[in-house]
Amino acid sequence: MQVYAFFTGRSVLSGEALVIILLLFSAGCAVFVFLISSGKTIHLRDGSLTLQQMVWATSSTILFMGLSSIPDELYYFLLFTILGFGVFRLAPADFYRFALFSSLAVGFQKVLVLLLGYSTAGLLDEFFVWLMFSASMLILA
């Protein structure tokens, strides 16, 4: 998504910054692949690190959402895709914590883009989007 934003001139990142941030994201993903495939997490209650992977993917998506001016709806598709991995896999308490984290993170992102002047929507619109996102999280929980 961020690459699309960059090539259409709707990213706040320079080409170098984009490469660095994508390398950092890929490195984080590689750490998960290494930990899981090496068997180092097999003794854990959730050896596939579902919650941790969901937090990583959600944090990255929300960060990227704040760094571009492409429609947020595209990012929400990604966020709800990420949710699909945890709805049936996580224990209810873990999913509630993840839902709270996601709601707070999206709310923080909305406030930040409003303060920085990156938002193309008004305060009421941004609040309503956050409210609907949070309500959707509660419905899934």
C-alpha atoms as a PDB file:
ATOM      1  CA  MET A   1       0.000   0.000   0.000  1.00  0.00           C
ATOM      2  CA  GLN A   2       2.785   2.402   0.919  1.00  0.00           C
ATOM      3  CA  VAL A   3       4.596   1.659  -2.355  1.00  0.00           C
ATOM      4  CA  TYR A   4       1.394   2.530  -4.226  1.00  0.00           C
ATOM      5  CA  ALA A   5       1.106   5.769  -2.218  1.00  0.00           C
ATOM      6  CA  PHE A   6       4.725   6.615  -2.998  1.00  0.00           C
ATOM      7  CA  PHE A   7       4.445   6.058  -6.741  1.00  0.00           C
ATOM      8  CA  THR A   8       1.220   8.041  -6.959  1.00  0.00           C
ATOM      9  CA  GLY A   9       2.754  10.961  -5.041  1.00  0.00           C
ATOM     10  CA  ARG A  10       0.620  10.503  -1.920  1.00  0.00           C
ATOM     11  CA  SER A  11       3.274   9.450   0.593  1.00  0.00           C
ATOM     12  CA  VAL A  12       5.131  11.704   3.002  1.00  0.00           C
ATOM     13  CA  LEU A  13       8.166   9.395   2.739  1.00  0.00           C
ATOM     14  CA  SER A  14      11.154   9.937   0.500  1.00  0.00           C
ATOM     15  CA  GLY A  15      12.315   7.011  -1.604  1.00  0.00           C
ATOM     16  CA  GLU A  16      15.136   6.269   0.838  1.00  0.00           C
ATOM     17  CA  ALA A  17      12.836   6.411   3.857  1.00  0.00           C
ATOM     18  CA  LEU A  18      10.379   4.093   2.100  1.00  0.00           C
ATOM     19  CA  VAL A  19      13.095   1.530   1.453  1.00  0.00           C
ATOM     20  CA  ILE A  20      14.267   1.706   5.078  1.00  0.00           C
ATOM     21  CA  ILE A  21      10.795   1.334   6.541  1.00  0.00           C
ATOM     22  CA  LEU A  22       9.958  -1.565   4.221  1.00  0.00           C
ATOM     23  CA  LEU A  23      13.231  -3.276   5.155  1.00  0.00           C
ATOM     24  CA  LEU A  24      12.415  -2.851   8.851  1.00  0.00           C
ATOM     25  CA  PHE A  25       8.937  -4.291   8.311  1.00  0.00           C
ATOM     26  CA  SER A  26      10.382  -7.224   6.351  1.00  0.00           C
ATOM     27  CA  ALA A  27      13.004  -7.819   9.037  1.00  0.00           C
ATOM     28  CA  GLY A  28      10.265  -8.014  11.660  1.00  0.00           C
ATOM     29  CA  CYS A  29       8.387 -10.544   9.536  1.00  0.00           C
ATOM     30  CA  ALA A  30      11.601 -12.531   9.057  1.00  0.00           C
ATOM     31  CA  VAL A  31      12.073 -12.695  12.839  1.00  0.00           C
ATOM     32  CA  PHE A  32       8.644 -14.320  13.171  1.00  0.00           C
ATOM     33  CA  VAL A  33       9.415 -16.804  10.403  1.00  0.00           C
ATOM     34  CA  PHE A  34      12.740 -17.689  12.041  1.00  0.00           C
ATOM     35  CA  LEU A  35      11.301 -18.092  15.546  1.00  0.00           C
ATOM     36  CA  ILE A  36       8.416 -20.254  14.413  1.00  0.00           C
ATOM     37  CA  SER A  37      10.263 -22.396  11.871  1.00  0.00           C
ATOM     38  CA  SER A  38      13.203 -22.999  14.204  1.00  0.00           C
ATOM     39  CA  GLY A  39      10.910 -24.488  16.840  1.00  0.00           C
ATOM     40  CA  LYS A  40      11.925 -21.928  19.467  1.00  0.00           C
ATOM     41  CA  THR A  41       8.274 -21.110  20.154  1.00  0.00           C
ATOM     42  CA  ILE A  42       6.881 -24.642  20.247  1.00  0.00           C
ATOM     43  CA  HIS A  43       6.778 -24.672  24.062  1.00  0.00           C
ATOM     44  CA  LEU A  44       4.574 -21.575  24.201  1.00  0.00           C
ATOM     45  CA  ARG A  45       0.792 -21.687  24.591  1.00  0.00           C
ATOM     46  CA  ASP A  46       0.552 -20.101  21.116  1.00  0.00           C
ATOM     47  CA  GLY A  47       3.620 -21.389  19.318  1.00  0.00           C
ATOM     48  CA  SER A  48       2.628 -19.588  16.122  1.00  0.00           C
ATOM     49  CA  LEU A  49       2.805 -16.218  17.919  1.00  0.00           C
ATOM     50  CA  THR A  50      -0.581 -15.220  16.521  1.00  0.00           C
ATOM     51  CA  LEU A  51      -1.134 -12.257  18.838  1.00  0.00           C
ATOM     52  CA  GLN A  52       2.379 -10.922  18.338  1.00  0.00           C
ATOM     53  CA  GLN A  53       2.108 -11.218  14.566  1.00  0.00           C
ATOM     54  CA  MET A  54      -1.256  -9.467  14.634  1.00  0.00           C
ATOM     55  CA  VAL A  55       0.156  -6.610  16.721  1.00  0.00           C
ATOM     56  CA  TRP A  56       3.136  -6.297  14.336  1.00  0.00           C
ATOM     57  CA  ALA A  57       0.947  -6.272  11.231  1.00  0.00           C
ATOM     58  CA  THR A  58      -1.604  -3.894  12.759  1.00  0.00           C
ATOM     59  CA  SER A  59       1.047  -1.474  14.027  1.00  0.00           C
ATOM     60  CA  SER A  60       2.704  -1.429  10.621  1.00  0.00           C
ATOM     61  CA  THR A  61      -0.586  -0.889   8.810  1.00  0.00           C
ATOM     62  CA  ILE A  62      -1.589   1.971  11.090  1.00  0.00           C
ATOM     63  CA  LEU A  63       1.858   3.557  10.706  1.00  0.00           C
ATOM     64  CA  PHE A  64       1.594   3.313   6.921  1.00  0.00           C
ATOM     65  CA  MET A  65      -1.938   4.730   7.066  1.00  0.00           C
ATOM     66  CA  GLY A  66      -0.565   7.842   8.735  1.00  0.00           C
ATOM     67  CA  LEU A  67       2.226   8.248   6.184  1.00  0.00           C
ATOM     68  CA  SER A  68       0.066   8.530   3.088  1.00  0.00           C
ATOM     69  CA  SER A  69      -2.941  10.369   1.773  1.00  0.00           C
ATOM     70  CA  ILE A  70      -4.507   7.451  -0.059  1.00  0.00           C
ATOM     71  CA  PRO A  71      -7.996   6.583   1.215  1.00  0.00           C
ATOM     72  CA  ASP A  72      -7.944   5.017   4.677  1.00  0.00           C
ATOM     73  CA  GLU A  73     -10.527   2.478   3.551  1.00  0.00           C
ATOM     74  CA  LEU A  74      -7.768   0.591   1.755  1.00  0.00           C
ATOM     75  CA  TYR A  75      -5.930   0.214   5.048  1.00  0.00           C
ATOM     76  CA  TYR A  76      -9.084  -0.843   6.886  1.00  0.00           C
ATOM     77  CA  PHE A  77      -9.396  -3.768   4.480  1.00  0.00           C
ATOM     78  CA  LEU A  78      -5.940  -4.849   5.637  1.00  0.00           C
ATOM     79  CA  LEU A  79      -6.797  -4.349   9.308  1.00  0.00           C
ATOM     80  CA  PHE A  80      -9.904  -6.509   9.074  1.00  0.00           C
ATOM     81  CA  THR A  81      -7.960  -9.150   7.165  1.00  0.00           C
ATOM     82  CA  ILE A  82      -5.470  -9.229  10.053  1.00  0.00           C
ATOM     83  CA  LEU A  83      -8.385  -9.612  12.480  1.00  0.00           C
ATOM     84  CA  GLY A  84      -9.533 -12.711  10.671  1.00  0.00           C
ATOM     85  CA  PHE A  85      -6.432 -14.544  11.818  1.00  0.00           C
ATOM     86  CA  GLY A  86      -7.149 -13.943  15.480  1.00  0.00           C
ATOM     87  CA  VAL A  87     -10.916 -14.111  15.812  1.00  0.00           C
ATOM     88  CA  PHE A  88     -10.955 -17.902  16.013  1.00  0.00           C
ATOM     89  CA  ARG A  89      -7.347 -18.537  17.054  1.00  0.00           C
ATOM     90  CA  LEU A  90      -6.871 -16.294  20.096  1.00  0.00           C
ATOM     91  CA  ALA A  91      -8.274 -16.878  23.550  1.00  0.00           C
ATOM     92  CA  PRO A  92     -11.100 -14.423  24.250  1.00  0.00           C
ATOM     93  CA  ALA A  93      -9.021 -12.421  26.731  1.00  0.00           C
ATOM     94  CA  ASP A  94      -6.195 -12.079  24.196  1.00  0.00           C
ATOM     95  CA  PHE A  95      -8.614 -10.962  21.499  1.00  0.00           C
ATOM     96  CA  TYR A  96     -10.126  -8.351  23.843  1.00  0.00           C
ATOM     97  CA  ARG A  97      -6.643  -6.999  24.570  1.00  0.00           C
ATOM     98  CA  PHE A  98      -5.882  -6.936  20.854  1.00  0.00           C
ATOM     99  CA  ALA A  99      -9.191  -5.180  20.119  1.00  0.00           C
ATOM    100  CA  LEU A 100      -8.388  -2.545  22.754  1.00  0.00           C
ATOM    101  CA  PHE A 101      -4.876  -2.095  21.351  1.00  0.00           C
ATOM    102  CA  SER A 102      -6.207  -1.743  17.800  1.00  0.00           C
ATOM    103  CA  SER A 103      -8.905   0.716  18.797  1.00  0.00           C
ATOM    104  CA  LEU A 104      -6.459   2.883  20.749  1.00  0.00           C
ATOM    105  CA  ALA A 105      -3.866   2.722  17.957  1.00  0.00           C
ATOM    106  CA  VAL A 106      -6.374   3.790  15.293  1.00  0.00           C
ATOM    107  CA  GLY A 107      -7.626   6.555  17.602  1.00  0.00           C
ATOM    108  CA  PHE A 108      -4.062   7.764  18.161  1.00  0.00           C
ATOM    109  CA  GLN A 109      -3.420   7.713  14.412  1.00  0.00           C
ATOM    110  CA  LYS A 110      -6.592   9.746  13.783  1.00  0.00           C
ATOM    111  CA  VAL A 111      -5.597  12.375  16.368  1.00  0.00           C
ATOM    112  CA  LEU A 112      -2.067  12.528  14.980  1.00  0.00           C
ATOM    113  CA  VAL A 113      -3.122  13.100  11.364  1.00  0.00           C
ATOM    114  CA  LEU A 114      -5.554  15.778  12.509  1.00  0.00           C
ATOM    115  CA  LEU A 115      -2.854  17.557  14.526  1.00  0.00           C
ATOM    116  CA  LEU A 116      -0.330  17.336  11.681  1.00  0.00           C
ATOM    117  CA  GLY A 117      -2.883  18.552   9.151  1.00  0.00           C
ATOM    118  CA  TYR A 118      -2.670  15.403   6.999  1.00  0.00           C
ATOM    119  CA  SER A 119      -6.348  14.557   7.344  1.00  0.00           C
ATOM    120  CA  THR A 120      -8.618  15.222   4.397  1.00  0.00           C
ATOM    121  CA  ALA A 121     -11.634  14.685   6.660  1.00  0.00           C
ATOM    122  CA  GLY A 122     -12.827  16.810   9.528  1.00  0.00           C
ATOM    123  CA  LEU A 123     -12.716  16.051  13.230  1.00  0.00           C
ATOM    124  CA  LEU A 124     -16.267  14.700  13.306  1.00  0.00           C
ATOM    125  CA  ASP A 125     -15.616  12.401  10.326  1.00  0.00           C
ATOM    126  CA  GLU A 126     -12.397  11.061  11.836  1.00  0.00           C
ATOM    127  CA  PHE A 127     -14.147  10.484  15.173  1.00  0.00           C
ATOM    128  CA  PHE A 128     -17.008   8.651  13.477  1.00  0.00           C
ATOM    129  CA  VAL A 129     -14.591   6.408  11.536  1.00  0.00           C
ATOM    130  CA  TRP A 130     -12.773   5.560  14.778  1.00  0.00           C
ATOM    131  CA  LEU A 131     -16.091   4.909  16.535  1.00  0.00           C
ATOM    132  CA  MET A 132     -17.261   2.544  13.780  1.00  0.00           C
ATOM    133  CA  PHE A 133     -13.908   0.752  13.758  1.00  0.00           C
ATOM    134  CA  SER A 134     -14.070   0.296  17.528  1.00  0.00           C
ATOM    135  CA  ALA A 135     -17.681  -0.893  17.347  1.00  0.00           C
ATOM    136  CA  SER A 136     -16.698  -3.430  14.687  1.00  0.00           C
ATOM    137  CA  MET A 137     -13.959  -4.702  16.981  1.00  0.00           C
ATOM    138  CA  LEU A 138     -16.462  -5.165  19.791  1.00  0.00           C
ATOM    139  CA  ILE A 139     -18.835  -7.035  17.512  1.00  0.00           C
ATOM    140  CA  LEU A 140     -16.064  -9.431  16.527  1.00  0.00           C
ATOM    141  CA  ALA A 141     -15.048  -9.914  20.144  1.00  0.00           C
END
